[in-house]
Amino acid sequence: MLATDKIASAFAAICEEVDKINKDKLSRKAKKRLKTIVSIAKHQSDIRGAGTGHCPPHKKRCC
């Protein structure tokens, strides 16, 4: 497995673990932080699966 694949798998695992957390017991601030973590992980995962010079989440060339 390529290093890029391993990293993408790690980001997917982060998203899965966040989904398992009982968010009802968390503060608003903690929920916001988890949302940010998932957003970053999904963005990085999308970038790693994209072709060189393309960033699907932004629909343009950026990352």
PDB file of N, CA and C in Angstrom:
ATOM      1  N   MET A   1       0.847  -1.178   0.000  1.00  0.00           N
ATOM      2  CA  MET A   1       0.000   0.000   0.000  1.00  0.00           C
ATOM      3  C   MET A   1       0.891   1.240   0.000  1.00  0.00           C
ATOM      4  N   LEU A   2       0.575   2.186  -0.830  1.00  0.00           N
ATOM      5  CA  LEU A   2       1.330   3.431  -0.896  1.00  0.00           C
ATOM      6  C   LEU A   2       1.088   4.270   0.345  1.00  0.00           C
ATOM      7  N   ALA A   3       2.036   5.128   0.657  1.00  0.00           N
ATOM      8  CA  ALA A   3       1.895   6.006   1.810  1.00  0.00           C
ATOM      9  C   ALA A   3       0.642   6.865   1.691  1.00  0.00           C
ATOM     10  N   THR A   4       0.327   7.317   0.484  1.00  0.00           N
ATOM     11  CA  THR A   4      -0.866   8.135   0.268  1.00  0.00           C
ATOM     12  C   THR A   4      -2.124   7.359   0.623  1.00  0.00           C
ATOM     13  N   ASP A   5      -2.166   6.084   0.274  1.00  0.00           N
ATOM     14  CA  ASP A   5      -3.317   5.242   0.604  1.00  0.00           C
ATOM     15  C   ASP A   5      -3.454   5.074   2.115  1.00  0.00           C
ATOM     16  N   LYS A   6      -2.331   4.906   2.788  1.00  0.00           N
ATOM     17  CA  LYS A   6      -2.356   4.752   4.247  1.00  0.00           C
ATOM     18  C   LYS A   6      -2.876   6.025   4.917  1.00  0.00           C
ATOM     19  N   ILE A   7      -2.437   7.152   4.430  1.00  0.00           N
ATOM     20  CA  ILE A   7      -2.880   8.426   4.990  1.00  0.00           C
ATOM     21  C   ILE A   7      -4.371   8.622   4.739  1.00  0.00           C
ATOM     22  N   ALA A   8      -4.822   8.309   3.540  1.00  0.00           N
ATOM     23  CA  ALA A   8      -6.249   8.440   3.222  1.00  0.00           C
ATOM     24  C   ALA A   8      -7.073   7.514   4.113  1.00  0.00           C
ATOM     25  N   SER A   9      -6.567   6.317   4.379  1.00  0.00           N
ATOM     26  CA  SER A   9      -7.264   5.381   5.274  1.00  0.00           C
ATOM     27  C   SER A   9      -7.324   5.924   6.695  1.00  0.00           C
ATOM     28  N   ALA A  10      -6.256   6.578   7.113  1.00  0.00           N
ATOM     29  CA  ALA A  10      -6.231   7.165   8.457  1.00  0.00           C
ATOM     30  C   ALA A  10      -7.272   8.277   8.578  1.00  0.00           C
ATOM     31  N   PHE A  11      -7.385   9.111   7.545  1.00  0.00           N
ATOM     32  CA  PHE A  11      -8.390  10.173   7.574  1.00  0.00           C
ATOM     33  C   PHE A  11      -9.799   9.585   7.600  1.00  0.00           C
ATOM     34  N   ALA A  12     -10.025   8.517   6.859  1.00  0.00           N
ATOM     35  CA  ALA A  12     -11.333   7.851   6.861  1.00  0.00           C
ATOM     36  C   ALA A  12     -11.635   7.284   8.245  1.00  0.00           C
ATOM     37  N   ALA A  13     -10.628   6.737   8.895  1.00  0.00           N
ATOM     38  CA  ALA A  13     -10.804   6.196  10.248  1.00  0.00           C
ATOM     39  C   ALA A  13     -11.164   7.297  11.241  1.00  0.00           C
ATOM     40  N   ILE A  14     -10.568   8.462  11.079  1.00  0.00           N
ATOM     41  CA  ILE A  14     -10.903   9.595  11.951  1.00  0.00           C
ATOM     42  C   ILE A  14     -12.383   9.929  11.809  1.00  0.00           C
ATOM     43  N   CYS A  15     -12.869   9.996  10.593  1.00  0.00           N
ATOM     44  CA  CYS A  15     -14.282  10.313  10.357  1.00  0.00           C
ATOM     45  C   CYS A  15     -15.185   9.250  10.962  1.00  0.00           C
ATOM     46  N   GLU A  16     -14.814   7.990  10.825  1.00  0.00           N
ATOM     47  CA  GLU A  16     -15.611   6.894  11.387  1.00  0.00           C
ATOM     48  C   GLU A  16     -15.669   6.979  12.911  1.00  0.00           C
ATOM     49  N   GLU A  17     -14.547   7.269  13.534  1.00  0.00           N
ATOM     50  CA  GLU A  17     -14.518   7.356  14.995  1.00  0.00           C
ATOM     51  C   GLU A  17     -15.344   8.534  15.506  1.00  0.00           C
ATOM     52  N   VAL A  18     -15.304   9.645  14.809  1.00  0.00           N
ATOM     53  CA  VAL A  18     -16.106  10.799  15.215  1.00  0.00           C
ATOM     54  C   VAL A  18     -17.592  10.460  15.120  1.00  0.00           C
ATOM     55  N   ASP A  19     -17.970   9.691  14.104  1.00  0.00           N
ATOM     56  CA  ASP A  19     -19.373   9.289  13.958  1.00  0.00           C
ATOM     57  C   ASP A  19     -19.846   8.434  15.127  1.00  0.00           C
ATOM     58  N   LYS A  20     -18.936   7.715  15.770  1.00  0.00           N
ATOM     59  CA  LYS A  20     -19.289   6.825  16.880  1.00  0.00           C
ATOM     60  C   LYS A  20     -19.497   7.572  18.205  1.00  0.00           C
ATOM     61  N   ILE A  21     -19.000   8.802  18.285  1.00  0.00           N
ATOM     62  CA  ILE A  21     -19.085   9.569  19.523  1.00  0.00           C
ATOM     63  C   ILE A  21     -20.526  10.007  19.773  1.00  0.00           C
ATOM     64  N   ASN A  22     -20.965   9.867  21.028  1.00  0.00           N
ATOM     65  CA  ASN A  22     -22.293  10.333  21.411  1.00  0.00           C
ATOM     66  C   ASN A  22     -22.229  11.848  21.579  1.00  0.00           C
ATOM     67  N   LYS A  23     -22.666  12.549  20.575  1.00  0.00           N
ATOM     68  CA  LYS A  23     -22.529  14.004  20.549  1.00  0.00           C
ATOM     69  C   LYS A  23     -23.537  14.722  21.456  1.00  0.00           C
ATOM     70  N   ASP A  24     -24.547  13.994  21.942  1.00  0.00           N
ATOM     71  CA  ASP A  24     -25.538  14.610  22.820  1.00  0.00           C
ATOM     72  C   ASP A  24     -24.917  15.091  24.125  1.00  0.00           C
ATOM     73  N   LYS A  25     -23.853  14.424  24.559  1.00  0.00           N
ATOM     74  CA  LYS A  25     -23.232  14.749  25.841  1.00  0.00           C
ATOM     75  C   LYS A  25     -22.109  15.772  25.721  1.00  0.00           C
ATOM     76  N   LEU A  26     -21.824  16.208  24.517  1.00  0.00           N
ATOM     77  CA  LEU A  26     -20.729  17.151  24.304  1.00  0.00           C
ATOM     78  C   LEU A  26     -21.208  18.599  24.361  1.00  0.00           C
ATOM     79  N   SER A  27     -20.281  19.465  24.733  1.00  0.00           N
ATOM     80  CA  SER A  27     -20.587  20.895  24.727  1.00  0.00           C
ATOM     81  C   SER A  27     -20.639  21.385  23.281  1.00  0.00           C
ATOM     82  N   ARG A  28     -21.189  22.540  23.112  1.00  0.00           N
ATOM     83  CA  ARG A  28     -21.280  23.145  21.779  1.00  0.00           C
ATOM     84  C   ARG A  28     -19.884  23.367  21.186  1.00  0.00           C
ATOM     85  N   LYS A  29     -18.951  23.775  22.040  1.00  0.00           N
ATOM     86  CA  LYS A  29     -17.582  24.026  21.602  1.00  0.00           C
ATOM     87  C   LYS A  29     -16.920  22.723  21.134  1.00  0.00           C
ATOM     88  N   ALA A  30     -17.139  21.643  21.866  1.00  0.00           N
ATOM     89  CA  ALA A  30     -16.564  20.346  21.499  1.00  0.00           C
ATOM     90  C   ALA A  30     -17.161  19.850  20.179  1.00  0.00           C
ATOM     91  N   LYS A  31     -18.461  20.038  19.992  1.00  0.00           N
ATOM     92  CA  LYS A  31     -19.110  19.638  18.736  1.00  0.00           C
ATOM     93  C   LYS A  31     -18.513  20.399  17.555  1.00  0.00           C
ATOM     94  N   LYS A  32     -18.264  21.680  17.764  1.00  0.00           N
ATOM     95  CA  LYS A  32     -17.686  22.504  16.699  1.00  0.00           C
ATOM     96  C   LYS A  32     -16.285  22.020  16.352  1.00  0.00           C
ATOM     97  N   ARG A  33     -15.512  21.655  17.370  1.00  0.00           N
ATOM     98  CA  ARG A  33     -14.154  21.162  17.133  1.00  0.00           C
ATOM     99  C   ARG A  33     -14.174  19.843  16.375  1.00  0.00           C
ATOM    100  N   LEU A  34     -15.081  18.949  16.731  1.00  0.00           N
ATOM    101  CA  LEU A  34     -15.197  17.676  16.016  1.00  0.00           C
ATOM    102  C   LEU A  34     -15.586  17.906  14.561  1.00  0.00           C
ATOM    103  N   LYS A  35     -16.486  18.842  14.342  1.00  0.00           N
ATOM    104  CA  LYS A  35     -16.911  19.156  12.979  1.00  0.00           C
ATOM    105  C   LYS A  35     -15.720  19.661  12.160  1.00  0.00           C
ATOM    106  N   THR A  36     -14.881  20.470  12.771  1.00  0.00           N
ATOM    107  CA  THR A  36     -13.690  20.980  12.099  1.00  0.00           C
ATOM    108  C   THR A  36     -12.722  19.847  11.773  1.00  0.00           C
ATOM    109  N   ILE A  37     -12.522  18.934  12.710  1.00  0.00           N
ATOM    110  CA  ILE A  37     -11.624  17.797  12.491  1.00  0.00           C
ATOM    111  C   ILE A  37     -12.109  16.945  11.322  1.00  0.00           C
ATOM    112  N   VAL A  38     -13.400  16.657  11.291  1.00  0.00           N
ATOM    113  CA  VAL A  38     -13.967  15.850  10.212  1.00  0.00           C
ATOM    114  C   VAL A  38     -13.846  16.584   8.885  1.00  0.00           C
ATOM    115  N   SER A  39     -14.088  17.871   8.891  1.00  0.00           N
ATOM    116  CA  SER A  39     -13.986  18.658   7.667  1.00  0.00           C
ATOM    117  C   SER A  39     -12.571  18.599   7.097  1.00  0.00           C
ATOM    118  N   ILE A  40     -11.583  18.750   7.949  1.00  0.00           N
ATOM    119  CA  ILE A  40     -10.190  18.688   7.509  1.00  0.00           C
ATOM    120  C   ILE A  40      -9.859  17.291   6.991  1.00  0.00           C
ATOM    121  N   ALA A  41     -10.281  16.267   7.713  1.00  0.00           N
ATOM    122  CA  ALA A  41      -9.991  14.883   7.304  1.00  0.00           C
ATOM    123  C   ALA A  41     -10.626  14.557   5.955  1.00  0.00           C
ATOM    124  N   LYS A  42     -11.876  14.981   5.761  1.00  0.00           N
ATOM    125  CA  LYS A  42     -12.545  14.717   4.478  1.00  0.00           C
ATOM    126  C   LYS A  42     -11.869  15.480   3.348  1.00  0.00           C
ATOM    127  N   HIS A  43     -11.480  16.700   3.612  1.00  0.00           N
ATOM    128  CA  HIS A  43     -10.818  17.512   2.599  1.00  0.00           C
ATOM    129  C   HIS A  43      -9.494  16.864   2.187  1.00  0.00           C
ATOM    130  N   GLN A  44      -8.707  16.451   3.168  1.00  0.00           N
ATOM    131  CA  GLN A  44      -7.421  15.822   2.874  1.00  0.00           C
ATOM    132  C   GLN A  44      -7.616  14.509   2.127  1.00  0.00           C
ATOM    133  N   SER A  45      -8.630  13.761   2.505  1.00  0.00           N
ATOM    134  CA  SER A  45      -8.920  12.495   1.829  1.00  0.00           C
ATOM    135  C   SER A  45      -9.311  12.741   0.378  1.00  0.00           C
ATOM    136  N   ASP A  46     -10.119  13.759   0.131  1.00  0.00           N
ATOM    137  CA  ASP A  46     -10.531  14.108  -1.231  1.00  0.00           C
ATOM    138  C   ASP A  46      -9.338  14.562  -2.074  1.00  0.00           C
ATOM    139  N   ILE A  47      -8.462  15.325  -1.474  1.00  0.00           N
ATOM    140  CA  ILE A  47      -7.292  15.821  -2.188  1.00  0.00           C
ATOM    141  C   ILE A  47      -6.387  14.656  -2.587  1.00  0.00           C
ATOM    142  N   ARG A  48      -6.196  13.715  -1.689  1.00  0.00           N
ATOM    143  CA  ARG A  48      -5.299  12.592  -1.962  1.00  0.00           C
ATOM    144  C   ARG A  48      -5.857  11.685  -3.050  1.00  0.00           C
ATOM    145  N   GLY A  49      -7.175  11.675  -3.210  1.00  0.00           N
ATOM    146  CA  GLY A  49      -7.784  10.861  -4.255  1.00  0.00           C
ATOM    147  C   GLY A  49      -7.908  11.581  -5.581  1.00  0.00           C
ATOM    148  N   ALA A  50      -7.554  12.860  -5.603  1.00  0.00           N
ATOM    149  CA  ALA A  50      -7.691  13.661  -6.819  1.00  0.00           C
ATOM    150  C   ALA A  50      -6.432  13.590  -7.668  1.00  0.00           C
ATOM    151  N   GLY A  51      -6.580  13.967  -8.895  1.00  0.00           N
ATOM    152  CA  GLY A  51      -5.427  14.058  -9.777  1.00  0.00           C
ATOM    153  C   GLY A  51      -4.558  15.241  -9.391  1.00  0.00           C
ATOM    154  N   THR A  52      -3.361  15.258  -9.853  1.00  0.00           N
ATOM    155  CA  THR A  52      -2.433  16.342  -9.548  1.00  0.00           C
ATOM    156  C   THR A  52      -2.998  17.688  -9.990  1.00  0.00           C
ATOM    157  N   GLY A  53      -2.981  18.646  -9.051  1.00  0.00           N
ATOM    158  CA  GLY A  53      -3.409  20.000  -9.369  1.00  0.00           C
ATOM    159  C   GLY A  53      -4.896  20.249  -9.293  1.00  0.00           C
ATOM    160  N   HIS A  54      -5.666  19.281  -8.803  1.00  0.00           N
ATOM    161  CA  HIS A  54      -7.115  19.468  -8.706  1.00  0.00           C
ATOM    162  C   HIS A  54      -7.591  19.237  -7.286  1.00  0.00           C
ATOM    163  N   CYS A  55      -8.539  20.031  -6.873  1.00  0.00           N
ATOM    164  CA  CYS A  55      -9.083  19.945  -5.526  1.00  0.00           C
ATOM    165  C   CYS A  55     -10.605  19.840  -5.634  1.00  0.00           C
ATOM    166  N   PRO A  56     -11.168  18.623  -5.638  1.00  0.00           N
ATOM    167  CA  PRO A  56     -12.623  18.453  -5.820  1.00  0.00           C
ATOM    168  C   PRO A  56     -13.489  19.264  -4.853  1.00  0.00           C
ATOM    169  N   PRO A  57     -13.114  19.364  -3.557  1.00  0.00           N
ATOM    170  CA  PRO A  57     -13.988  20.137  -2.662  1.00  0.00           C
ATOM    171  C   PRO A  57     -14.106  21.610  -3.065  1.00  0.00           C
ATOM    172  N   HIS A  58     -13.067  22.143  -3.675  1.00  0.00           N
ATOM    173  CA  HIS A  58     -13.100  23.537  -4.075  1.00  0.00           C
ATOM    174  C   HIS A  58     -13.455  23.727  -5.535  1.00  0.00           C
ATOM    175  N   LYS A  59     -13.546  22.627  -6.274  1.00  0.00           N
ATOM    176  CA  LYS A  59     -13.903  22.657  -7.708  1.00  0.00           C
ATOM    177  C   LYS A  59     -12.943  23.548  -8.514  1.00  0.00           C
ATOM    178  N   LYS A  60     -11.706  23.596  -8.069  1.00  0.00           N
ATOM    179  CA  LYS A  60     -10.720  24.386  -8.787  1.00  0.00           C
ATOM    180  C   LYS A  60      -9.322  23.872  -8.470  1.00  0.00           C
ATOM    181  N   ARG A  61      -8.368  24.481  -9.057  1.00  0.00           N
ATOM    182  CA  ARG A  61      -6.968  24.146  -8.836  1.00  0.00           C
ATOM    183  C   ARG A  61      -6.482  24.940  -7.635  1.00  0.00           C
ATOM    184  N   CYS A  62      -6.043  24.265  -6.582  1.00  0.00           N
ATOM    185  CA  CYS A  62      -5.563  25.052  -5.450  1.00  0.00           C
ATOM    186  C   CYS A  62      -4.544  24.307  -4.589  1.00  0.00           C
ATOM    187  N   CYS A  63      -4.796  23.078  -4.263  1.00  0.00           N
ATOM    188  CA  CYS A  63      -3.979  22.397  -3.253  1.00  0.00           C
ATOM    189  C   CYS A  63      -2.895  21.537  -3.874  1.00  0.00           C
TER     190      CYS A  63
END
